[in-house]
């Protein structure tokens, strides 16, 4: 594999976070580009490094995991989110998938399974660890609901974000979307407010 799969680990448990870093550091195809325990830092890393996969502890009390997942998919659509926790949360895992995540792996899983989950998600597949997969309808991983496009932003706001990510100026965006520059500014402000970030 020519290009390494870049990873961001979001977990408020230092021991678990360091354990994952150690596991991934032993894989030549993987590289950890960041680790954090809060939403603000996570968003900044996503904006600056656009990691391929994010390992997200869904039990972090200080983070609204579902909203963060939606924000991540809007800011960096190609970034995939893999949820993890110590306790099975079937209902919440379903909601996480619908929010845009690509799967779930238990923190009790061995290093082989965690690595396998990362590679499966990197291929564009959905992943659910064996101890929870059978609880999804159809008893098949293929039947897990595919991620839906986040509904946090309007269609126009999503178009704006895509153009900004392409490096377009406000004037260029106004011409492309056939709207006034002031409307572009308004949309930009709305996006920043909805995503809870300071710049875009």
Protein backbone atom coordinates (compact mmCIF):
# COMPACT_ATOMS: atom_id res chain seq x y z
CA UNK A 1 0.00 0.00 0.00
CA UNK A 2 1.71 3.12 -1.30
CA UNK A 3 -0.15 5.70 0.75
CA UNK A 4 -0.57 5.15 4.45
CA UNK A 5 -4.01 5.28 6.05
CA UNK A 6 -4.05 8.30 8.37
CA UNK A 7 -5.82 8.00 11.71
CA UNK A 8 -7.15 10.36 14.37
CA UNK A 9 -7.96 8.91 17.79
CA UNK A 10 -10.59 10.69 19.91
CA UNK A 11 -10.75 9.24 23.42
CA UNK A 12 -10.73 10.76 26.91
CA UNK A 13 -9.09 7.66 28.40
CA UNK A 14 -5.33 8.21 28.12
CA UNK A 15 -4.49 4.54 28.64
CA UNK A 16 -6.85 3.34 25.90
CA UNK A 17 -5.71 6.10 23.57
CA UNK A 18 -2.04 5.25 24.06
CA UNK A 19 -2.87 1.58 23.59
CA UNK A 20 -4.43 2.28 20.20
CA UNK A 21 -1.46 4.42 19.18
CA UNK A 22 0.82 1.50 20.04
CA UNK A 23 -1.29 -0.99 18.08
CA UNK A 24 -1.37 1.20 14.98
CA UNK A 25 2.31 2.15 15.17
CA UNK A 26 3.19 -1.49 14.57
CA UNK A 27 1.41 -1.42 11.20
CA UNK A 28 3.44 -0.03 8.30
CA UNK A 29 0.26 0.84 6.37
CA UNK A 30 -1.14 3.00 9.17
CA UNK A 31 -0.09 6.34 10.65
CA UNK A 32 -1.62 8.24 13.57
CA UNK A 33 -1.78 11.94 12.63
CA UNK A 34 -3.48 13.10 15.80
CA UNK A 35 -5.06 12.21 19.12
CA UNK A 36 -7.30 14.24 21.41
CA UNK A 37 -10.04 14.10 24.03
CA UNK A 38 -12.31 17.03 23.08
CA UNK A 39 -14.45 18.24 20.20
CA UNK A 40 -12.68 21.54 19.50
CA UNK A 41 -9.28 19.91 18.99
CA UNK A 42 -10.87 17.12 16.97
CA UNK A 43 -12.49 19.62 14.58
CA UNK A 44 -9.20 21.51 14.16
CA UNK A 45 -7.33 18.29 13.32
CA UNK A 46 -10.02 17.26 10.85
CA UNK A 47 -9.84 20.68 9.17
CA UNK A 48 -6.05 20.71 8.91
CA UNK A 49 -5.21 17.05 8.31
CA UNK A 50 -8.37 15.42 6.92
CA UNK A 51 -7.56 11.98 8.41
CA UNK A 52 -8.76 8.93 6.51
CA UNK A 53 -10.31 7.34 9.59
CA UNK A 54 -11.29 8.59 13.04
CA UNK A 55 -11.47 6.17 15.97
CA UNK A 56 -14.11 7.76 18.19
CA UNK A 57 -14.95 6.65 21.74
CA UNK A 58 -18.74 7.01 21.85
CA UNK A 59 -18.74 7.13 25.68
CA UNK A 60 -17.03 10.53 26.02
CA UNK A 61 -19.41 12.47 28.28
CA UNK A 62 -18.23 15.93 27.19
CA UNK A 63 -18.92 15.33 23.49
CA UNK A 64 -22.19 14.99 21.60
CA UNK A 65 -20.87 12.10 19.51
CA UNK A 66 -23.71 12.07 17.00
CA UNK A 67 -23.41 15.80 16.25
CA UNK A 68 -19.62 15.55 16.07
CA UNK A 69 -19.90 12.72 13.55
CA UNK A 70 -22.20 14.85 11.39
CA UNK A 71 -19.81 17.81 11.58
CA UNK A 72 -16.85 15.64 10.63
CA UNK A 73 -18.66 14.29 7.56
CA UNK A 74 -19.53 17.82 6.46
CA UNK A 75 -16.06 19.27 6.99
CA UNK A 76 -14.24 16.26 5.52
CA UNK A 77 -16.68 14.02 3.60
CA UNK A 78 -14.04 11.41 2.80
CA UNK A 79 -13.07 10.94 6.44
CA UNK A 80 -14.62 7.81 7.92
CA UNK A 81 -15.67 7.45 11.56
CA UNK A 82 -15.29 4.18 13.45
CA UNK A 83 -17.05 4.18 16.83
CA UNK A 84 -15.73 2.27 19.83
CA UNK A 85 -16.77 1.66 23.44
CA UNK A 86 -16.38 -0.80 26.31
CA UNK A 87 -20.08 -1.63 26.50
CA UNK A 88 -22.40 -2.73 23.73
CA UNK A 89 -24.84 0.03 22.84
CA UNK A 90 -26.89 -1.40 19.99
CA UNK A 91 -29.46 1.40 19.72
CA UNK A 92 -26.84 4.11 19.91
CA UNK A 93 -24.63 2.31 17.39
CA UNK A 94 -27.50 2.28 14.90
CA UNK A 95 -27.90 6.03 15.38
CA UNK A 96 -24.16 6.52 14.99
CA UNK A 97 -24.21 4.71 11.64
CA UNK A 98 -27.15 6.83 10.48
CA UNK A 99 -25.26 9.97 11.51
CA UNK A 100 -22.53 9.04 9.06
CA UNK A 101 -20.20 6.64 10.89
CA UNK A 102 -18.78 3.62 9.07
CA UNK A 103 -18.99 1.13 11.90
CA UNK A 104 -18.33 0.04 15.45
CA UNK A 105 -15.68 -2.07 17.18
CA UNK A 106 -15.62 -3.01 20.86
CA UNK A 107 -12.75 -1.81 23.04
CA UNK A 108 -12.61 -5.38 24.33
CA UNK A 109 -11.66 -6.59 20.87
CA UNK A 110 -8.14 -7.85 20.26
CA UNK A 111 -5.63 -5.84 18.27
CA UNK A 112 -6.19 -8.06 15.20
CA UNK A 113 -9.88 -7.22 15.10
CA UNK A 114 -9.27 -3.50 15.62
CA UNK A 115 -6.78 -3.45 12.75
CA UNK A 116 -9.16 -5.47 10.58
CA UNK A 117 -11.95 -3.00 11.33
CA UNK A 118 -9.73 -0.10 10.24
CA UNK A 119 -8.82 -1.77 6.95
CA UNK A 120 -12.43 -2.74 6.23
CA UNK A 121 -13.61 0.82 6.83
CA UNK A 122 -10.71 2.16 4.72
CA UNK A 123 -12.02 0.05 1.81
CA UNK A 124 -15.37 1.80 2.10
CA UNK A 125 -17.12 -1.06 3.88
CA UNK A 126 -19.28 -0.83 6.99
CA UNK A 127 -17.93 -2.74 9.98
CA UNK A 128 -19.59 -4.18 13.07
CA UNK A 129 -17.68 -6.41 15.49
CA UNK A 130 -18.98 -10.00 15.89
CA UNK A 131 -20.48 -9.49 19.35
CA UNK A 132 -22.87 -6.83 18.08
CA UNK A 133 -23.28 -7.55 14.36
CA UNK A 134 -25.93 -10.23 14.88
CA UNK A 135 -28.11 -7.75 16.72
CA UNK A 136 -28.64 -5.69 13.56
CA UNK A 137 -31.65 -6.55 11.44
CA UNK A 138 -30.97 -9.35 9.02
CA UNK A 139 -28.03 -10.68 11.05
CA UNK A 140 -25.75 -9.50 8.28
CA UNK A 141 -23.24 -6.70 8.11
CA UNK A 142 -24.55 -5.89 4.63
CA UNK A 143 -27.91 -5.03 6.15
CA UNK A 144 -26.59 -2.32 8.45
CA UNK A 145 -28.18 0.97 7.39
CA UNK A 146 -25.76 2.86 5.18
CA UNK A 147 -24.71 6.29 6.43
CA UNK A 148 -27.01 9.09 5.38
CA UNK A 149 -25.90 12.52 4.31
CA UNK A 150 -25.85 14.74 7.43
CA UNK A 151 -28.89 17.00 7.60
CA UNK A 152 -27.18 19.63 9.73
CA UNK A 153 -26.71 21.98 6.77
CA UNK A 154 -29.08 23.04 4.01
CA UNK A 155 -28.36 22.03 0.41
CA UNK A 156 -27.06 25.52 -0.39
CA UNK A 157 -24.83 25.57 2.70
CA UNK A 158 -23.39 22.18 1.75
CA UNK A 159 -22.61 23.51 -1.73
CA UNK A 160 -20.86 26.47 -0.13
CA UNK A 161 -18.69 24.21 2.06
CA UNK A 162 -17.65 22.10 -0.95
CA UNK A 163 -16.62 25.21 -2.90
CA UNK A 164 -14.70 26.65 0.06
CA UNK A 165 -12.81 23.36 0.40
CA UNK A 166 -11.87 23.71 -3.30
CA UNK A 167 -10.29 27.08 -2.49
CA UNK A 168 -12.95 29.28 -4.11
CA UNK A 169 -13.25 32.89 -2.93
CA UNK A 170 -16.55 34.46 -1.85
CA UNK A 171 -16.74 36.32 -5.16
CA UNK A 172 -16.18 33.12 -7.16
CA UNK A 173 -18.75 31.27 -5.05
CA UNK A 174 -21.30 34.04 -5.64
CA UNK A 175 -20.84 33.68 -9.40
CA UNK A 176 -20.95 29.88 -9.39
CA UNK A 177 -24.06 29.70 -7.19
CA UNK A 178 -25.63 32.75 -8.86
CA UNK A 179 -26.17 34.57 -5.59
CA UNK A 180 -24.95 37.89 -4.20
CA UNK A 181 -21.64 38.15 -2.29
CA UNK A 182 -23.63 39.24 0.78
CA UNK A 183 -25.67 36.05 0.60
CA UNK A 184 -22.42 34.08 0.50
CA UNK A 185 -21.31 35.84 3.69
CA UNK A 186 -24.65 35.04 5.32
CA UNK A 187 -24.41 31.36 4.38
CA UNK A 188 -20.83 31.23 5.63
CA UNK A 189 -21.85 32.67 9.00
CA UNK A 190 -24.70 30.17 9.28
CA UNK A 191 -22.34 27.27 8.53
CA UNK A 192 -19.83 28.42 11.15
CA UNK A 193 -22.59 28.75 13.73
CA UNK A 194 -24.08 25.33 12.98
CA UNK A 195 -20.71 23.58 13.03
CA UNK A 196 -19.52 25.47 16.10
CA UNK A 197 -16.19 26.44 14.53
CA UNK A 198 -14.38 29.76 14.25
CA UNK A 199 -13.25 29.68 10.65
CA UNK A 200 -13.89 27.96 7.36
